[in-house]
Amino acid sequence: MQCGKPGDVHQRAQGNYRINQCRGQAKEGHECIKCGRIKRTRQHIPHAKRTPAAVDKRNKRERRRIGGVNHAFEILRQHTPTLSHLERASKISILRQAQAYIRELSNVLAGRNCCL
């Protein structure tokens, strides 16, 4: 089977995939024998044509991802002693305080405890 030009759409069990880069022969699974550089991307489906179930699934994944990021920031905040645990801190302030704390710890380990 001949691989198509970039932009050709191929059917697969998981959905429609567009080939971005390929100029050789294809085998099962659309792996290029000649160059081996196929990028498969899902074909864009406009928002108006998406099913409510697909939208709910995507939103649930995004909420879970954001929850994980927020949880990681909370753990970082708990391990940064310069932040008060009673006051609210922005993500950027948590990152900056963590950087300063790591810098102080590095100085202590290097024997330059002038900052403590």
PDB file of N, CA and C in Angstrom:
ATOM      1  N   MET A   1       0.848  -1.175   0.000  1.00  0.00           N
ATOM      2  CA  MET A   1       0.000   0.000   0.000  1.00  0.00           C
ATOM      3  C   MET A   1       0.893   1.236   0.000  1.00  0.00           C
ATOM      4  N   GLN A   2       0.640   2.170  -0.847  1.00  0.00           N
ATOM      5  CA  GLN A   2       1.442   3.385  -0.964  1.00  0.00           C
ATOM      6  C   GLN A   2       0.989   4.392   0.087  1.00  0.00           C
ATOM      7  N   CYS A   3       1.953   4.964   0.805  1.00  0.00           N
ATOM      8  CA  CYS A   3       1.609   6.012   1.758  1.00  0.00           C
ATOM      9  C   CYS A   3       1.160   7.245   0.989  1.00  0.00           C
ATOM     10  N   GLY A   4       0.220   7.933   1.544  1.00  0.00           N
ATOM     11  CA  GLY A   4      -0.298   9.109   0.875  1.00  0.00           C
ATOM     12  C   GLY A   4       0.557  10.330   1.084  1.00  0.00           C
ATOM     13  N   LYS A   5       0.124  11.391   0.463  1.00  0.00           N
ATOM     14  CA  LYS A   5       0.789  12.675   0.629  1.00  0.00           C
ATOM     15  C   LYS A   5       0.410  13.232   1.996  1.00  0.00           C
ATOM     16  N   PRO A   6       1.216  14.170   2.517  1.00  0.00           N
ATOM     17  CA  PRO A   6       0.821  14.811   3.763  1.00  0.00           C
ATOM     18  C   PRO A   6      -0.581  15.388   3.635  1.00  0.00           C
ATOM     19  N   GLY A   7      -1.383  15.141   4.641  1.00  0.00           N
ATOM     20  CA  GLY A   7      -2.758  15.616   4.632  1.00  0.00           C
ATOM     21  C   GLY A   7      -3.761  14.541   4.269  1.00  0.00           C
ATOM     22  N   ASP A   8      -3.313  13.410   3.692  1.00  0.00           N
ATOM     23  CA  ASP A   8      -4.236  12.321   3.386  1.00  0.00           C
ATOM     24  C   ASP A   8      -4.780  11.742   4.683  1.00  0.00           C
ATOM     25  N   VAL A   9      -6.025  11.306   4.635  1.00  0.00           N
ATOM     26  CA  VAL A   9      -6.670  10.745   5.818  1.00  0.00           C
ATOM     27  C   VAL A   9      -6.770   9.241   5.648  1.00  0.00           C
ATOM     28  N   HIS A  10      -6.352   8.490   6.661  1.00  0.00           N
ATOM     29  CA  HIS A  10      -6.411   7.035   6.650  1.00  0.00           C
ATOM     30  C   HIS A  10      -7.346   6.571   7.755  1.00  0.00           C
ATOM     31  N   GLN A  11      -8.121   5.527   7.490  1.00  0.00           N
ATOM     32  CA  GLN A  11      -9.013   4.961   8.487  1.00  0.00           C
ATOM     33  C   GLN A  11      -8.235   4.011   9.385  1.00  0.00           C
ATOM     34  N   ARG A  12      -8.473   4.082  10.676  1.00  0.00           N
ATOM     35  CA  ARG A  12      -7.919   3.133  11.634  1.00  0.00           C
ATOM     36  C   ARG A  12      -9.013   2.782  12.620  1.00  0.00           C
ATOM     37  N   ALA A  13      -8.784   1.761  13.397  1.00  0.00           N
ATOM     38  CA  ALA A  13      -9.797   1.313  14.352  1.00  0.00           C
ATOM     39  C   ALA A  13     -10.122   2.397  15.377  1.00  0.00           C
ATOM     40  N   GLN A  14      -9.120   3.199  15.774  1.00  0.00           N
ATOM     41  CA  GLN A  14      -9.332   4.211  16.796  1.00  0.00           C
ATOM     42  C   GLN A  14      -9.913   5.506  16.242  1.00  0.00           C
ATOM     43  N   GLY A  15      -9.959   5.683  14.947  1.00  0.00           N
ATOM     44  CA  GLY A  15     -10.495   6.908  14.377  1.00  0.00           C
ATOM     45  C   GLY A  15      -9.751   7.300  13.124  1.00  0.00           C
ATOM     46  N   ASN A  16     -10.063   8.464  12.617  1.00  0.00           N
ATOM     47  CA  ASN A  16      -9.394   8.976  11.422  1.00  0.00           C
ATOM     48  C   ASN A  16      -8.076   9.627  11.816  1.00  0.00           C
ATOM     49  N   TYR A  17      -7.024   9.315  11.073  1.00  0.00           N
ATOM     50  CA  TYR A  17      -5.720   9.910  11.316  1.00  0.00           C
ATOM     51  C   TYR A  17      -5.222  10.553  10.042  1.00  0.00           C
ATOM     52  N   ARG A  18      -4.589  11.688  10.185  1.00  0.00           N
ATOM     53  CA  ARG A  18      -4.020  12.387   9.048  1.00  0.00           C
ATOM     54  C   ARG A  18      -2.514  12.152   9.050  1.00  0.00           C
ATOM     55  N   ILE A  19      -1.969  11.829   7.887  1.00  0.00           N
ATOM     56  CA  ILE A  19      -0.529  11.619   7.770  1.00  0.00           C
ATOM     57  C   ILE A  19       0.125  12.963   7.493  1.00  0.00           C
ATOM     58  N   ASN A  20       1.098  13.337   8.341  1.00  0.00           N
ATOM     59  CA  ASN A  20       1.793  14.606   8.166  1.00  0.00           C
ATOM     60  C   ASN A  20       3.054  14.468   7.333  1.00  0.00           C
ATOM     61  N   GLN A  21       3.826  13.404   7.566  1.00  0.00           N
ATOM     62  CA  GLN A  21       5.085  13.253   6.844  1.00  0.00           C
ATOM     63  C   GLN A  21       5.274  11.792   6.466  1.00  0.00           C
ATOM     64  N   CYS A  22       5.270  11.495   5.190  1.00  0.00           N
ATOM     65  CA  CYS A  22       5.577  10.144   4.746  1.00  0.00           C
ATOM     66  C   CYS A  22       5.700  10.142   3.238  1.00  0.00           C
ATOM     67  N   ARG A  23       6.738   9.477   2.741  1.00  0.00           N
ATOM     68  CA  ARG A  23       6.923   9.410   1.296  1.00  0.00           C
ATOM     69  C   ARG A  23       7.250   7.997   0.826  1.00  0.00           C
ATOM     70  N   GLY A  24       7.172   7.018   1.694  1.00  0.00           N
ATOM     71  CA  GLY A  24       7.574   5.666   1.319  1.00  0.00           C
ATOM     72  C   GLY A  24       6.405   4.701   1.283  1.00  0.00           C
ATOM     73  N   GLN A  25       6.717   3.416   1.410  1.00  0.00           N
ATOM     74  CA  GLN A  25       5.701   2.374   1.426  1.00  0.00           C
ATOM     75  C   GLN A  25       5.173   2.213   2.847  1.00  0.00           C
ATOM     76  N   ALA A  26       3.891   1.929   2.973  1.00  0.00           N
ATOM     77  CA  ALA A  26       3.292   1.737   4.290  1.00  0.00           C
ATOM     78  C   ALA A  26       2.965   0.280   4.497  1.00  0.00           C
ATOM     79  N   LYS A  27       2.993  -0.126   5.735  1.00  0.00           N
ATOM     80  CA  LYS A  27       2.541  -1.460   6.094  1.00  0.00           C
ATOM     81  C   LYS A  27       1.412  -1.295   7.104  1.00  0.00           C
ATOM     82  N   GLU A  28       0.965  -2.382   7.689  1.00  0.00           N
ATOM     83  CA  GLU A  28      -0.144  -2.324   8.633  1.00  0.00           C
ATOM     84  C   GLU A  28       0.187  -1.364   9.767  1.00  0.00           C
ATOM     85  N   GLY A  29      -0.768  -0.547  10.156  1.00  0.00           N
ATOM     86  CA  GLY A  29      -0.546   0.443  11.196  1.00  0.00           C
ATOM     87  C   GLY A  29       0.038   1.735  10.669  1.00  0.00           C
ATOM     88  N   HIS A  30       0.199   1.845   9.362  1.00  0.00           N
ATOM     89  CA  HIS A  30       0.688   3.055   8.710  1.00  0.00           C
ATOM     90  C   HIS A  30       2.097   3.437   9.143  1.00  0.00           C
ATOM     91  N   GLU A  31       2.944   2.451   9.430  1.00  0.00           N
ATOM     92  CA  GLU A  31       4.353   2.718   9.699  1.00  0.00           C
ATOM     93  C   GLU A  31       5.081   2.727   8.365  1.00  0.00           C
ATOM     94  N   CYS A  32       5.850   3.730   8.109  1.00  0.00           N
ATOM     95  CA  CYS A  32       6.544   3.859   6.838  1.00  0.00           C
ATOM     96  C   CYS A  32       7.811   3.015   6.843  1.00  0.00           C
ATOM     97  N   ILE A  33       7.926   2.123   5.883  1.00  0.00           N
ATOM     98  CA  ILE A  33       9.093   1.255   5.775  1.00  0.00           C
ATOM     99  C   ILE A  33      10.316   2.067   5.352  1.00  0.00           C
ATOM    100  N   LYS A  34      10.121   3.017   4.457  1.00  0.00           N
ATOM    101  CA  LYS A  34      11.238   3.766   3.887  1.00  0.00           C
ATOM    102  C   LYS A  34      11.804   4.798   4.867  1.00  0.00           C
ATOM    103  N   CYS A  35      10.962   5.677   5.391  1.00  0.00           N
ATOM    104  CA  CYS A  35      11.492   6.755   6.224  1.00  0.00           C
ATOM    105  C   CYS A  35      11.161   6.590   7.704  1.00  0.00           C
ATOM    106  N   GLY A  36      10.087   5.870   8.053  1.00  0.00           N
ATOM    107  CA  GLY A  36       9.725   5.643   9.445  1.00  0.00           C
ATOM    108  C   GLY A  36       9.314   6.892  10.198  1.00  0.00           C
ATOM    109  N   ARG A  37       8.945   7.959   9.485  1.00  0.00           N
ATOM    110  CA  ARG A  37       8.636   9.226  10.143  1.00  0.00           C
ATOM    111  C   ARG A  37       7.195   9.642   9.933  1.00  0.00           C
ATOM    112  N   ILE A  38       6.273   8.818  10.299  1.00  0.00           N
ATOM    113  CA  ILE A  38       4.868   9.184  10.154  1.00  0.00           C
ATOM    114  C   ILE A  38       4.392   9.796  11.464  1.00  0.00           C
ATOM    115  N   LYS A  39       3.784  10.923  11.372  1.00  0.00           N
ATOM    116  CA  LYS A  39       3.108  11.501  12.517  1.00  0.00           C
ATOM    117  C   LYS A  39       1.621  11.302  12.298  1.00  0.00           C
ATOM    118  N   ARG A  40       0.983  10.710  13.255  1.00  0.00           N
ATOM    119  CA  ARG A  40      -0.459  10.524  13.140  1.00  0.00           C
ATOM    120  C   ARG A  40      -1.137  11.482  14.102  1.00  0.00           C
ATOM    121  N   THR A  41      -2.040  12.264  13.596  1.00  0.00           N
ATOM    122  CA  THR A  41      -2.800  13.178  14.436  1.00  0.00           C
ATOM    123  C   THR A  41      -4.273  12.940  14.187  1.00  0.00           C
ATOM    124  N   ARG A  42      -5.052  13.073  15.227  1.00  0.00           N
ATOM    125  CA  ARG A  42      -6.492  12.906  15.066  1.00  0.00           C
ATOM    126  C   ARG A  42      -7.035  14.042  14.209  1.00  0.00           C
ATOM    127  N   GLN A  43      -7.998  13.698  13.391  1.00  0.00           N
ATOM    128  CA  GLN A  43      -8.617  14.699  12.541  1.00  0.00           C
ATOM    129  C   GLN A  43      -9.479  15.611  13.410  1.00  0.00           C
ATOM    130  N   HIS A  44      -9.430  16.903  13.167  1.00  0.00           N
ATOM    131  CA  HIS A  44     -10.172  17.876  13.955  1.00  0.00           C
ATOM    132  C   HIS A  44     -11.671  17.705  13.762  1.00  0.00           C
ATOM    133  N   ILE A  45     -12.394  17.695  14.873  1.00  0.00           N
ATOM    134  CA  ILE A  45     -13.855  17.650  14.837  1.00  0.00           C
ATOM    135  C   ILE A  45     -14.335  18.968  15.435  1.00  0.00           C
ATOM    136  N   PRO A  46     -15.115  19.753  14.691  1.00  0.00           N
ATOM    137  CA  PRO A  46     -15.593  21.039  15.208  1.00  0.00           C
ATOM    138  C   PRO A  46     -16.402  20.859  16.495  1.00  0.00           C
ATOM    139  N   HIS A  47     -16.383  21.863  17.357  1.00  0.00           N
ATOM    140  CA  HIS A  47     -17.096  21.796  18.632  1.00  0.00           C
ATOM    141  C   HIS A  47     -18.574  21.483  18.444  1.00  0.00           C
ATOM    142  N   ALA A  48     -19.168  22.044  17.416  1.00  0.00           N
ATOM    143  CA  ALA A  48     -20.605  21.843  17.195  1.00  0.00           C
ATOM    144  C   ALA A  48     -20.948  20.392  16.868  1.00  0.00           C
ATOM    145  N   LYS A  49     -19.991  19.636  16.335  1.00  0.00           N
ATOM    146  CA  LYS A  49     -20.261  18.253  15.939  1.00  0.00           C
ATOM    147  C   LYS A  49     -19.836  17.233  16.990  1.00  0.00           C
ATOM    148  N   ARG A  50     -19.264  17.673  18.098  1.00  0.00           N
ATOM    149  CA  ARG A  50     -18.828  16.740  19.138  1.00  0.00           C
ATOM    150  C   ARG A  50     -20.026  16.284  19.960  1.00  0.00           C
ATOM    151  N   THR A  51     -19.999  15.025  20.329  1.00  0.00           N
ATOM    152  CA  THR A  51     -21.101  14.486  21.125  1.00  0.00           C
ATOM    153  C   THR A  51     -20.965  14.970  22.561  1.00  0.00           C
ATOM    154  N   PRO A  52     -22.086  15.123  23.260  1.00  0.00           N
ATOM    155  CA  PRO A  52     -22.016  15.541  24.668  1.00  0.00           C
ATOM    156  C   PRO A  52     -21.179  14.580  25.522  1.00  0.00           C
ATOM    157  N   ALA A  53     -21.226  13.294  25.204  1.00  0.00           N
ATOM    158  CA  ALA A  53     -20.434  12.324  25.966  1.00  0.00           C
ATOM    159  C   ALA A  53     -18.939  12.577  25.779  1.00  0.00           C
ATOM    160  N   ALA A  54     -18.528  12.900  24.555  1.00  0.00           N
ATOM    161  CA  ALA A  54     -17.114  13.177  24.289  1.00  0.00           C
ATOM    162  C   ALA A  54     -16.670  14.454  24.995  1.00  0.00           C
ATOM    163  N   VAL A  55     -17.537  15.459  25.004  1.00  0.00           N
ATOM    164  CA  VAL A  55     -17.223  16.721  25.674  1.00  0.00           C
ATOM    165  C   VAL A  55     -17.105  16.492  27.177  1.00  0.00           C
ATOM    166  N   ASP A  56     -18.040  15.722  27.747  1.00  0.00           N
ATOM    167  CA  ASP A  56     -17.988  15.419  29.178  1.00  0.00           C
ATOM    168  C   ASP A  56     -16.716  14.662  29.541  1.00  0.00           C
ATOM    169  N   LYS A  57     -16.340  13.724  28.688  1.00  0.00           N
ATOM    170  CA  LYS A  57     -15.132  12.936  28.925  1.00  0.00           C
ATOM    171  C   LYS A  57     -13.891  13.829  28.895  1.00  0.00           C
ATOM    172  N   ARG A  58     -13.827  14.725  27.897  1.00  0.00           N
ATOM    173  CA  ARG A  58     -12.697  15.646  27.796  1.00  0.00           C
ATOM    174  C   ARG A  58     -12.650  16.578  29.007  1.00  0.00           C
ATOM    175  N   ASN A  59     -13.807  17.103  29.409  1.00  0.00           N
ATOM    176  CA  ASN A  59     -13.857  18.002  30.560  1.00  0.00           C
ATOM    177  C   ASN A  59     -13.424  17.294  31.841  1.00  0.00           C
ATOM    178  N   LYS A  60     -13.825  16.034  31.983  1.00  0.00           N
ATOM    179  CA  LYS A  60     -13.442  15.259  33.161  1.00  0.00           C
ATOM    180  C   LYS A  60     -11.931  15.057  33.198  1.00  0.00           C
ATOM    181  N   ARG A  61     -11.335  14.738  32.026  1.00  0.00           N
ATOM    182  CA  ARG A  61      -9.882  14.587  31.950  1.00  0.00           C
ATOM    183  C   ARG A  61      -9.177  15.891  32.319  1.00  0.00           C
ATOM    184  N   GLU A  62      -9.691  17.007  31.829  1.00  0.00           N
ATOM    185  CA  GLU A  62      -9.079  18.309  32.106  1.00  0.00           C
ATOM    186  C   GLU A  62      -9.204  18.662  33.590  1.00  0.00           C
ATOM    187  N   ARG A  63     -10.373  18.390  34.196  1.00  0.00           N
ATOM    188  CA  ARG A  63     -10.539  18.653  35.628  1.00  0.00           C
ATOM    189  C   ARG A  63      -9.574  17.806  36.454  1.00  0.00           C
ATOM    190  N   ARG A  64      -9.385  16.549  36.054  1.00  0.00           N
ATOM    191  CA  ARG A  64      -8.452  15.662  36.754  1.00  0.00           C
ATOM    192  C   ARG A  64      -7.016  16.182  36.609  1.00  0.00           C
ATOM    193  N   ARG A  65      -6.672  16.661  35.417  1.00  0.00           N
ATOM    194  CA  ARG A  65      -5.329  17.194  35.186  1.00  0.00           C
ATOM    195  C   ARG A  65      -5.079  18.439  36.034  1.00  0.00           C
ATOM    196  N   ILE A  66      -6.039  19.353  36.037  1.00  0.00           N
ATOM    197  CA  ILE A  66      -5.914  20.584  36.822  1.00  0.00           C
ATOM    198  C   ILE A  66      -5.844  20.260  38.309  1.00  0.00           C
ATOM    199  N   GLY A  67      -6.643  19.287  38.744  1.00  0.00           N
ATOM    200  CA  GLY A  67      -6.596  18.867  40.146  1.00  0.00           C
ATOM    201  C   GLY A  67      -5.225  18.331  40.523  1.00  0.00           C
ATOM    202  N   GLY A  68      -4.608  17.580  39.621  1.00  0.00           N
ATOM    203  CA  GLY A  68      -3.264  17.057  39.869  1.00  0.00           C
ATOM    204  C   GLY A  68      -2.233  18.165  39.968  1.00  0.00           C
ATOM    205  N   VAL A  69      -2.347  19.158  39.097  1.00  0.00           N
ATOM    206  CA  VAL A  69      -1.420  20.304  39.141  1.00  0.00           C
ATOM    207  C   VAL A  69      -1.602  21.069  40.450  1.00  0.00           C
ATOM    208  N   ASN A  70      -2.845  21.312  40.834  1.00  0.00           N
ATOM    209  CA  ASN A  70      -3.111  22.035  42.082  1.00  0.00           C
ATOM    210  C   ASN A  70      -2.607  21.254  43.291  1.00  0.00           C
ATOM    211  N   HIS A  71      -2.769  19.935  43.259  1.00  0.00           N
ATOM    212  CA  HIS A  71      -2.278  19.093  44.351  1.00  0.00           C
ATOM    213  C   HIS A  71      -0.750  19.181  44.444  1.00  0.00           C
ATOM    214  N   ALA A  72      -0.074  19.170  43.310  1.00  0.00           N
ATOM    215  CA  ALA A  72       1.385  19.279  43.294  1.00  0.00           C
ATOM    216  C   ALA A  72       1.837  20.629  43.858  1.00  0.00           C
ATOM    217  N   PHE A  73       1.114  21.697  43.541  1.00  0.00           N
ATOM    218  CA  PHE A  73       1.454  23.007  44.096  1.00  0.00           C
ATOM    219  C   PHE A  73       1.236  23.026  45.602  1.00  0.00           C
ATOM    220  N   GLU A  74       0.193  22.381  46.076  1.00  0.00           N
ATOM    221  CA  GLU A  74      -0.070  22.335  47.516  1.00  0.00           C
ATOM    222  C   GLU A  74       1.042  21.582  48.248  1.00  0.00           C
ATOM    223  N   ILE A  75       1.510  20.483  47.672  1.00  0.00           N
ATOM    224  CA  ILE A  75       2.620  19.737  48.276  1.00  0.00           C
ATOM    225  C   ILE A  75       3.885  20.592  48.285  1.00  0.00           C
ATOM    226  N   LEU A  76       4.153  21.293  47.190  1.00  0.00           N
ATOM    227  CA  LEU A  76       5.323  22.174  47.121  1.00  0.00           C
ATOM    228  C   LEU A  76       5.218  23.273  48.170  1.00  0.00           C
ATOM    229  N   ARG A  77       4.037  23.820  48.343  1.00  0.00           N
ATOM    230  CA  ARG A  77       3.821  24.866  49.343  1.00  0.00           C
ATOM    231  C   ARG A  77       4.074  24.332  50.754  1.00  0.00           C
ATOM    232  N   GLN A  78       3.634  23.106  51.026  1.00  0.00           N
ATOM    233  CA  GLN A  78       3.836  22.514  52.350  1.00  0.00           C
ATOM    234  C   GLN A  78       5.311  22.285  52.653  1.00  0.00           C
ATOM    235  N   HIS A  79       6.118  22.070  51.617  1.00  0.00           N
ATOM    236  CA  HIS A  79       7.542  21.816  51.816  1.00  0.00           C
ATOM    237  C   HIS A  79       8.387  23.084  51.720  1.00  0.00           C
ATOM    238  N   THR A  80       7.746  24.218  51.563  1.00  0.00           N
ATOM    239  CA  THR A  80       8.450  25.499  51.503  1.00  0.00           C
ATOM    240  C   THR A  80       8.166  26.236  52.804  1.00  0.00           C
ATOM    241  N   PRO A  81       9.132  26.274  53.733  1.00  0.00           N
ATOM    242  CA  PRO A  81       8.856  26.811  55.068  1.00  0.00           C
ATOM    243  C   PRO A  81       8.620  28.320  55.116  1.00  0.00           C
ATOM    244  N   THR A  82       8.987  29.055  54.097  1.00  0.00           N
ATOM    245  CA  THR A  82       8.836  30.513  54.155  1.00  0.00           C
ATOM    246  C   THR A  82       7.404  30.965  53.902  1.00  0.00           C
ATOM    247  N   LEU A  83       6.567  30.093  53.395  1.00  0.00           N
ATOM    248  CA  LEU A  83       5.179  30.466  53.139  1.00  0.00           C
ATOM    249  C   LEU A  83       4.315  30.145  54.351  1.00  0.00           C
ATOM    250  N   SER A  84       3.488  31.109  54.742  1.00  0.00           N
ATOM    251  CA  SER A  84       2.545  30.875  55.824  1.00  0.00           C
ATOM    252  C   SER A  84       1.450  29.949  55.319  1.00  0.00           C
ATOM    253  N   HIS A  85       1.113  28.978  56.111  1.00  0.00           N
ATOM    254  CA  HIS A  85       0.092  28.021  55.681  1.00  0.00           C
ATOM    255  C   HIS A  85      -1.322  28.565  55.870  1.00  0.00           C
ATOM    256  N   LEU A  86      -1.439  29.734  56.493  1.00  0.00           N
ATOM    257  CA  LEU A  86      -2.753  30.330  56.687  1.00  0.00           C
ATOM    258  C   LEU A  86      -3.128  31.278  55.559  1.00  0.00           C
ATOM    259  N   GLU A  87      -2.137  31.908  54.958  1.00  0.00           N
ATOM    260  CA  GLU A  87      -2.446  32.868  53.893  1.00  0.00           C
ATOM    261  C   GLU A  87      -2.473  32.185  52.527  1.00  0.00           C
ATOM    262  N   ARG A  88      -3.235  32.765  51.647  1.00  0.00           N
ATOM    263  CA  ARG A  88      -3.361  32.222  50.297  1.00  0.00           C
ATOM    264  C   ARG A  88      -2.171  32.702  49.461  1.00  0.00           C
ATOM    265  N   ALA A  89      -1.611  31.799  48.669  1.00  0.00           N
ATOM    266  CA  ALA A  89      -0.460  32.153  47.841  1.00  0.00           C
ATOM    267  C   ALA A  89      -0.746  31.778  46.393  1.00  0.00           C
ATOM    268  N   SER A  90      -0.290  32.624  45.483  1.00  0.00           N
ATOM    269  CA  SER A  90      -0.466  32.320  44.062  1.00  0.00           C
ATOM    270  C   SER A  90       0.547  31.256  43.649  1.00  0.00           C
ATOM    271  N   LYS A  91       0.298  30.638  42.521  1.00  0.00           N
ATOM    272  CA  LYS A  91       1.204  29.597  42.031  1.00  0.00           C
ATOM    273  C   LYS A  91       2.585  30.167  41.751  1.00  0.00           C
ATOM    274  N   ILE A  92       2.644  31.363  41.203  1.00  0.00           N
ATOM    275  CA  ILE A  92       3.942  31.966  40.895  1.00  0.00           C
ATOM    276  C   ILE A  92       4.708  32.285  42.174  1.00  0.00           C
ATOM    277  N   SER A  93       4.007  32.731  43.224  1.00  0.00           N
ATOM    278  CA  SER A  93       4.711  33.016  44.479  1.00  0.00           C
ATOM    279  C   SER A  93       5.207  31.724  45.128  1.00  0.00           C
ATOM    280  N   ILE A  94       4.444  30.637  44.996  1.00  0.00           N
ATOM    281  CA  ILE A  94       4.900  29.338  45.511  1.00  0.00           C
ATOM    282  C   ILE A  94       6.170  28.920  44.784  1.00  0.00           C
ATOM    283  N   LEU A  95       6.184  29.060  43.455  1.00  0.00           N
ATOM    284  CA  LEU A  95       7.371  28.687  42.680  1.00  0.00           C
ATOM    285  C   LEU A  95       8.574  29.552  43.046  1.00  0.00           C
ATOM    286  N   ARG A  96       8.371  30.842  43.205  1.00  0.00           N
ATOM    287  CA  ARG A  96       9.483  31.742  43.540  1.00  0.00           C
ATOM    288  C   ARG A  96      10.035  31.452  44.928  1.00  0.00           C
ATOM    289  N   GLN A  97       9.137  31.211  45.886  1.00  0.00           N
ATOM    290  CA  GLN A  97       9.593  30.888  47.239  1.00  0.00           C
ATOM    291  C   GLN A  97      10.328  29.551  47.272  1.00  0.00           C
ATOM    292  N   ALA A  98       9.853  28.589  46.491  1.00  0.00           N
ATOM    293  CA  ALA A  98      10.528  27.288  46.417  1.00  0.00           C
ATOM    294  C   ALA A  98      11.918  27.450  45.806  1.00  0.00           C
ATOM    295  N   GLN A  99      12.041  28.294  44.784  1.00  0.00           N
ATOM    296  CA  GLN A  99      13.356  28.561  44.184  1.00  0.00           C
ATOM    297  C   GLN A  99      14.306  29.167  45.215  1.00  0.00           C
ATOM    298  N   ALA A 100      13.813  30.147  45.964  1.00  0.00           N
ATOM    299  CA  ALA A 100      14.653  30.795  46.974  1.00  0.00           C
ATOM    300  C   ALA A 100      15.076  29.795  48.047  1.00  0.00           C
ATOM    301  N   TYR A 101      14.161  28.934  48.449  1.00  0.00           N
ATOM    302  CA  TYR A 101      14.465  27.927  49.471  1.00  0.00           C
ATOM    303  C   TYR A 101      15.508  26.932  48.963  1.00  0.00           C
ATOM    304  N   ILE A 102      15.375  26.501  47.728  1.00  0.00           N
ATOM    305  CA  ILE A 102      16.350  25.576  47.133  1.00  0.00           C
ATOM    306  C   ILE A 102      17.718  26.247  47.044  1.00  0.00           C
ATOM    307  N   ARG A 103      17.733  27.534  46.674  1.00  0.00           N
ATOM    308  CA  ARG A 103      18.995  28.277  46.609  1.00  0.00           C
ATOM    309  C   ARG A 103      19.658  28.339  47.992  1.00  0.00           C
ATOM    310  N   GLU A 104      18.851  28.602  49.034  1.00  0.00           N
ATOM    311  CA  GLU A 104      19.387  28.653  50.397  1.00  0.00           C
ATOM    312  C   GLU A 104      19.954  27.299  50.810  1.00  0.00           C
ATOM    313  N   LEU A 105      19.232  26.235  50.510  1.00  0.00           N
ATOM    314  CA  LEU A 105      19.714  24.893  50.852  1.00  0.00           C
ATOM    315  C   LEU A 105      21.003  24.567  50.104  1.00  0.00           C
ATOM    316  N   SER A 106      21.095  24.987  48.857  1.00  0.00           N
ATOM    317  CA  SER A 106      22.323  24.765  48.074  1.00  0.00           C
ATOM    318  C   SER A 106      23.498  25.504  48.691  1.00  0.00           C
ATOM    319  N   ASN A 107      23.254  26.736  49.150  1.00  0.00           N
ATOM    320  CA  ASN A 107      24.314  27.508  49.802  1.00  0.00           C
ATOM    321  C   ASN A 107      24.772  26.836  51.091  1.00  0.00           C
ATOM    322  N   VAL A 108      23.828  26.301  51.858  1.00  0.00           N
ATOM    323  CA  VAL A 108      24.177  25.609  53.100  1.00  0.00           C
ATOM    324  C   VAL A 108      25.036  24.391  52.788  1.00  0.00           C
ATOM    325  N   LEU A 109      24.646  23.630  51.783  1.00  0.00           N
ATOM    326  CA  LEU A 109      25.413  22.439  51.415  1.00  0.00           C
ATOM    327  C   LEU A 109      26.800  22.799  50.893  1.00  0.00           C
ATOM    328  N   ALA A 110      26.911  23.951  50.251  1.00  0.00           N
ATOM    329  CA  ALA A 110      28.206  24.388  49.714  1.00  0.00           C
ATOM    330  C   ALA A 110      29.066  25.049  50.790  1.00  0.00           C
ATOM    331  N   GLY A 111      28.520  25.218  52.001  1.00  0.00           N
ATOM    332  CA  GLY A 111      29.288  25.816  53.088  1.00  0.00           C
ATOM    333  C   GLY A 111      29.185  27.321  53.147  1.00  0.00           C
ATOM    334  N   ARG A 112      28.291  27.889  52.385  1.00  0.00           N
ATOM    335  CA  ARG A 112      28.109  29.347  52.387  1.00  0.00           C
ATOM    336  C   ARG A 112      26.781  29.660  53.060  1.00  0.00           C
ATOM    337  N   ASN A 113      26.699  29.503  54.354  1.00  0.00           N
ATOM    338  CA  ASN A 113      25.431  29.701  55.054  1.00  0.00           C
ATOM    339  C   ASN A 113      25.229  31.156  55.461  1.00  0.00           C
ATOM    340  N   CYS A 114      25.637  32.083  54.611  1.00  0.00           N
ATOM    341  CA  CYS A 114      25.496  33.507  54.893  1.00  0.00           C
ATOM    342  C   CYS A 114      24.046  33.972  54.846  1.00  0.00           C
ATOM    343  N   CYS A 115      23.211  33.259  54.115  1.00  0.00           N
ATOM    344  CA  CYS A 115      21.837  33.714  53.904  1.00  0.00           C
ATOM    345  C   CYS A 115      20.886  33.262  55.004  1.00  0.00           C
ATOM    346  N   LEU A 116      21.289  32.343  55.857  1.00  0.00           N
ATOM    347  CA  LEU A 116      20.368  31.814  56.882  1.00  0.00           C
ATOM    348  C   LEU A 116      20.451  32.551  58.165  1.00  0.00           C
TER     349      LEU A 116
END
